[in-house]
Structures are given as C-alpha cells and as structure tokens.
Amino acid sequence: MAIVIFLILTAFFWGMAPIFDKIGLRGADVLPALTFRSIVVTIFLLLATFVCKKTDALFNMDMKTTVALSLSAIFAGLLGMLTYYYALRLGAISRVVPLAATYPLITAFLSIVILGESITVYRIIGIVLIVGGVWLVK
C-alpha cells in the first residue's frame, strides 16, 4: 500500500510542477531558471540529508553507484530539464507535458536492451497505449 501512496504523491507533485515552471519561465531565461531551480533543490536535499543523518552514506557510495547517479543527473537533471524548459517556454503546457511524458517508451526499450528485462504482452500493450495517447495530443 505504501508504494501506491508514494506513486499518487509523485503524480500529484509532478503534475503541479509544470504549472509553476511555466509561470516562472515567463520571467526568466531558461538556463538561469533551471540553475535557480537546481540550487533550491540542492539546498533542500542537503538539509534533508543532514537532518536525517545520512551524510556518511552520501560520501561512501561505491564507484558504480556514483557513475550511474551522475549519468542520471546529467541526462535527466540537466539535459532533460533544459530541453523540457525550452519546450515549455515555446509551447502550450497542455501539449508539452504529455509529449514529454512519453519517456517511458525510451525507458522500456533501454530496460530490455541494457538491463536485460523481459518484454511482456502487458508492456507491449502499455507502449501502444502511450503512443496512442501521444498521437491524440499532437
């Protein structure tokens, strides 16, 4: 049950964020806006890490973990957010967000190729539904 609660909260938080992003991008260029957003996140994460007494764990990750998380930060936190902010600035939020949310297609493909996960009928149906939804939004 905890996973469902976390996923509902995730959807709520991720659903709210683009509204504030679009409003914020009205008054700032993309790169400074993303930099500011990242600074705010970093401050809160550092405070939470300190309060939760997880600073030792922060500095004791193995190399594989560090590299994987660094690549995730570059792809999602930097490049993905930068291109997403440019798209938000240029397009209608009701169109940009659903199209950006097609990233599970890439994740599904790469999880099979890189992680060796199996493909199931349900995953194929899910991918088809995502593609169908994107077609309806465009």
C-alpha atoms as a PDB file:
ATOM      1  CA  MET A   1       0.000   0.000   0.000  1.00  0.00           C
ATOM      2  CA  ALA A   2       2.913   2.375   0.692  1.00  0.00           C
ATOM      3  CA  ILE A   3       4.028   2.170  -2.942  1.00  0.00           C
ATOM      4  CA  VAL A   4       0.580   3.285  -4.130  1.00  0.00           C
ATOM      5  CA  ILE A   5       0.613   6.252  -1.764  1.00  0.00           C
ATOM      6  CA  PHE A   6       4.112   7.237  -2.922  1.00  0.00           C
ATOM      7  CA  LEU A   7       3.072   6.959  -6.584  1.00  0.00           C
ATOM      8  CA  ILE A   8      -0.073   9.044  -6.048  1.00  0.00           C
ATOM      9  CA  LEU A   9       2.005  11.721  -4.299  1.00  0.00           C
ATOM     10  CA  THR A  10       4.598  11.556  -7.085  1.00  0.00           C
ATOM     11  CA  ALA A  11       1.929  12.082  -9.744  1.00  0.00           C
ATOM     12  CA  PHE A  12       0.494  14.996  -7.747  1.00  0.00           C
ATOM     13  CA  PHE A  13       3.893  16.693  -7.261  1.00  0.00           C
ATOM     14  CA  TRP A  14       4.942  16.128 -10.872  1.00  0.00           C
ATOM     15  CA  GLY A  15       1.551  17.364 -12.015  1.00  0.00           C
ATOM     16  CA  MET A  16       1.888  20.590 -10.051  1.00  0.00           C
ATOM     17  CA  ALA A  17       5.485  21.401 -11.022  1.00  0.00           C
ATOM     18  CA  PRO A  18       4.899  22.245 -14.719  1.00  0.00           C
ATOM     19  CA  ILE A  19       2.368  24.905 -13.737  1.00  0.00           C
ATOM     20  CA  PHE A  20       4.989  26.663 -11.605  1.00  0.00           C
ATOM     21  CA  ASP A  21       7.675  26.055 -14.250  1.00  0.00           C
ATOM     22  CA  LYS A  22       5.570  27.729 -16.953  1.00  0.00           C
ATOM     23  CA  ILE A  23       4.812  30.694 -14.666  1.00  0.00           C
ATOM     24  CA  GLY A  24       8.471  31.007 -13.679  1.00  0.00           C
ATOM     25  CA  LEU A  25       9.674  30.840 -17.280  1.00  0.00           C
ATOM     26  CA  ARG A  26       7.584  33.915 -18.094  1.00  0.00           C
ATOM     27  CA  GLY A  27      10.014  35.979 -16.040  1.00  0.00           C
ATOM     28  CA  ALA A  28      13.343  34.233 -16.586  1.00  0.00           C
ATOM     29  CA  ASP A  29      15.509  32.803 -19.317  1.00  0.00           C
ATOM     30  CA  VAL A  30      15.739  29.013 -19.449  1.00  0.00           C
ATOM     31  CA  LEU A  31      19.299  28.450 -18.214  1.00  0.00           C
ATOM     32  CA  PRO A  32      19.144  30.814 -15.200  1.00  0.00           C
ATOM     33  CA  ALA A  33      15.687  29.444 -14.322  1.00  0.00           C
ATOM     34  CA  LEU A  34      16.943  25.853 -14.376  1.00  0.00           C
ATOM     35  CA  THR A  35      20.057  26.822 -12.409  1.00  0.00           C
ATOM     36  CA  PHE A  36      17.976  28.540  -9.747  1.00  0.00           C
ATOM     37  CA  ARG A  37      15.581  25.581  -9.537  1.00  0.00           C
ATOM     38  CA  SER A  38      18.528  23.201  -9.145  1.00  0.00           C
ATOM     39  CA  ILE A  39      20.071  25.348  -6.405  1.00  0.00           C
ATOM     40  CA  VAL A  40      16.794  25.292  -4.461  1.00  0.00           C
ATOM     41  CA  VAL A  41      16.575  21.504  -4.808  1.00  0.00           C
ATOM     42  CA  THR A  42      20.215  21.112  -3.747  1.00  0.00           C
ATOM     43  CA  ILE A  43      19.723  23.216  -0.625  1.00  0.00           C
ATOM     44  CA  PHE A  44      16.687  21.201   0.462  1.00  0.00           C
ATOM     45  CA  LEU A  45      18.389  17.883  -0.312  1.00  0.00           C
ATOM     46  CA  LEU A  46      21.485  18.831   1.681  1.00  0.00           C
ATOM     47  CA  LEU A  47      19.330  19.924   4.625  1.00  0.00           C
ATOM     48  CA  ALA A  48      17.305  16.691   4.483  1.00  0.00           C
ATOM     49  CA  THR A  49      20.480  14.586   4.256  1.00  0.00           C
ATOM     50  CA  PHE A  50      21.912  16.358   7.291  1.00  0.00           C
ATOM     51  CA  VAL A  51      18.690  16.211   9.354  1.00  0.00           C
ATOM     52  CA  CYS A  52      18.192  12.512   8.525  1.00  0.00           C
ATOM     53  CA  LYS A  53      21.841  11.827   9.439  1.00  0.00           C
ATOM     54  CA  LYS A  54      22.655  10.360   6.016  1.00  0.00           C
ATOM     55  CA  THR A  55      25.804  12.402   5.308  1.00  0.00           C
ATOM     56  CA  ASP A  56      28.086   9.368   5.785  1.00  0.00           C
ATOM     57  CA  ALA A  57      26.087   7.411   3.200  1.00  0.00           C
ATOM     58  CA  LEU A  58      26.332  10.360   0.820  1.00  0.00           C
ATOM     59  CA  PHE A  59      30.123  10.201   0.819  1.00  0.00           C
ATOM     60  CA  ASN A  60      30.518   6.404   0.957  1.00  0.00           C
ATOM     61  CA  MET A  61      28.893   5.294  -2.304  1.00  0.00           C
ATOM     62  CA  ASP A  62      30.818   2.869  -4.486  1.00  0.00           C
ATOM     63  CA  MET A  63      32.105   3.912  -7.904  1.00  0.00           C
ATOM     64  CA  LYS A  64      29.398   2.094  -9.909  1.00  0.00           C
ATOM     65  CA  THR A  65      26.659   3.829  -7.904  1.00  0.00           C
ATOM     66  CA  THR A  66      28.375   7.210  -8.226  1.00  0.00           C
ATOM     67  CA  VAL A  67      28.785   6.879 -12.002  1.00  0.00           C
ATOM     68  CA  ALA A  68      25.181   5.678 -12.506  1.00  0.00           C
ATOM     69  CA  LEU A  69      23.737   8.520 -10.417  1.00  0.00           C
ATOM     70  CA  SER A  70      25.997  11.064 -12.144  1.00  0.00           C
ATOM     71  CA  LEU A  71      24.810   9.913 -15.568  1.00  0.00           C
ATOM     72  CA  SER A  72      21.208  10.088 -14.368  1.00  0.00           C
ATOM     73  CA  ALA A  73      21.819  13.644 -13.148  1.00  0.00           C
ATOM     74  CA  ILE A  74      23.327  14.680 -16.488  1.00  0.00           C
ATOM     75  CA  PHE A  75      20.630  13.054 -18.644  1.00  0.00           C
ATOM     76  CA  ALA A  76      17.538  13.874 -16.553  1.00  0.00           C
ATOM     77  CA  GLY A  77      18.524  16.722 -14.243  1.00  0.00           C
ATOM     78  CA  LEU A  78      20.481  18.729 -16.801  1.00  0.00           C
ATOM     79  CA  LEU A  79      19.830  17.790 -20.436  1.00  0.00           C
ATOM     80  CA  GLY A  80      16.248  16.571 -19.997  1.00  0.00           C
ATOM     81  CA  MET A  81      15.237  19.533 -17.856  1.00  0.00           C
ATOM     82  CA  LEU A  82      16.979  22.012 -20.152  1.00  0.00           C
ATOM     83  CA  THR A  83      15.199  20.751 -23.271  1.00  0.00           C
ATOM     84  CA  TYR A  84      11.934  20.449 -21.319  1.00  0.00           C
ATOM     85  CA  TYR A  85      12.202  24.082 -20.159  1.00  0.00           C
ATOM     86  CA  TYR A  86      12.827  25.259 -23.725  1.00  0.00           C
ATOM     87  CA  ALA A  87       9.781  23.304 -24.897  1.00  0.00           C
ATOM     88  CA  LEU A  88       7.671  24.729 -22.040  1.00  0.00           C
ATOM     89  CA  ARG A  89       8.760  28.228 -22.904  1.00  0.00           C
ATOM     90  CA  LEU A  90       7.837  27.765 -26.565  1.00  0.00           C
ATOM     91  CA  GLY A  91       4.681  25.651 -26.377  1.00  0.00           C
ATOM     92  CA  ALA A  92       1.369  25.145 -24.659  1.00  0.00           C
ATOM     93  CA  ILE A  93       1.759  23.352 -21.334  1.00  0.00           C
ATOM     94  CA  SER A  94      -1.184  21.073 -22.164  1.00  0.00           C
ATOM     95  CA  ARG A  95       0.732  19.823 -25.193  1.00  0.00           C
ATOM     96  CA  VAL A  96       4.320  19.876 -23.925  1.00  0.00           C
ATOM     97  CA  VAL A  97       3.804  17.913 -20.709  1.00  0.00           C
ATOM     98  CA  PRO A  98       2.034  14.897 -22.251  1.00  0.00           C
ATOM     99  CA  LEU A  99       4.602  14.692 -25.055  1.00  0.00           C
ATOM    100  CA  ALA A 100       7.483  14.934 -22.586  1.00  0.00           C
ATOM    101  CA  ALA A 101       5.817  12.211 -20.540  1.00  0.00           C
ATOM    102  CA  THR A 102       6.471   9.691 -23.305  1.00  0.00           C
ATOM    103  CA  TYR A 103       9.883   8.970 -21.793  1.00  0.00           C
ATOM    104  CA  PRO A 104       8.637   5.565 -20.521  1.00  0.00           C
ATOM    105  CA  LEU A 105       8.882   4.405 -24.143  1.00  0.00           C
ATOM    106  CA  ILE A 106      12.619   5.066 -24.095  1.00  0.00           C
ATOM    107  CA  THR A 107      12.941   3.562 -20.616  1.00  0.00           C
ATOM    108  CA  ALA A 108      11.074   0.408 -21.645  1.00  0.00           C
ATOM    109  CA  PHE A 109      13.274  -0.076 -24.699  1.00  0.00           C
ATOM    110  CA  LEU A 110      16.524   0.588 -22.821  1.00  0.00           C
ATOM    111  CA  SER A 111      15.493  -1.631 -19.892  1.00  0.00           C
ATOM    112  CA  ILE A 112      15.259  -4.518 -22.348  1.00  0.00           C
ATOM    113  CA  VAL A 113      18.499  -3.686 -24.185  1.00  0.00           C
ATOM    114  CA  ILE A 114      20.712  -2.585 -21.265  1.00  0.00           C
ATOM    115  CA  LEU A 115      19.222  -4.272 -18.184  1.00  0.00           C
ATOM    116  CA  GLY A 116      18.064  -7.431 -19.925  1.00  0.00           C
ATOM    117  CA  GLU A 117      14.492  -7.117 -18.692  1.00  0.00           C
ATOM    118  CA  SER A 118      11.935  -9.265 -20.448  1.00  0.00           C
ATOM    119  CA  ILE A 119       9.197  -7.846 -22.616  1.00  0.00           C
ATOM    120  CA  THR A 120       5.670  -8.990 -21.839  1.00  0.00           C
ATOM    121  CA  VAL A 121       2.351  -8.656 -23.584  1.00  0.00           C
ATOM    122  CA  TYR A 122       1.239  -6.149 -20.940  1.00  0.00           C
ATOM    123  CA  ARG A 123       4.307  -3.984 -21.565  1.00  0.00           C
ATOM    124  CA  ILE A 124       3.661  -4.024 -25.311  1.00  0.00           C
ATOM    125  CA  ILE A 125       0.027  -3.018 -24.701  1.00  0.00           C
ATOM    126  CA  GLY A 126       1.215  -0.233 -22.387  1.00  0.00           C
ATOM    127  CA  ILE A 127       3.639   1.059 -25.002  1.00  0.00           C
ATOM    128  CA  VAL A 128       0.916   1.019 -27.658  1.00  0.00           C
ATOM    129  CA  LEU A 129      -1.396   2.972 -25.327  1.00  0.00           C
ATOM    130  CA  ILE A 130       1.317   5.572 -24.675  1.00  0.00           C
ATOM    131  CA  VAL A 131       1.945   6.035 -28.390  1.00  0.00           C
ATOM    132  CA  GLY A 132      -1.825   6.289 -28.985  1.00  0.00           C
ATOM    133  CA  GLY A 133      -2.147   8.914 -26.274  1.00  0.00           C
ATOM    134  CA  VAL A 134       0.683  10.970 -27.755  1.00  0.00           C
ATOM    135  CA  TRP A 135      -0.949  10.793 -31.177  1.00  0.00           C
ATOM    136  CA  LEU A 136      -4.179  12.167 -29.678  1.00  0.00           C
ATOM    137  CA  VAL A 137      -2.371  15.107 -28.007  1.00  0.00           C
ATOM    138  CA  LYS A 138      -0.404  16.299 -31.013  1.00  0.00           C
END
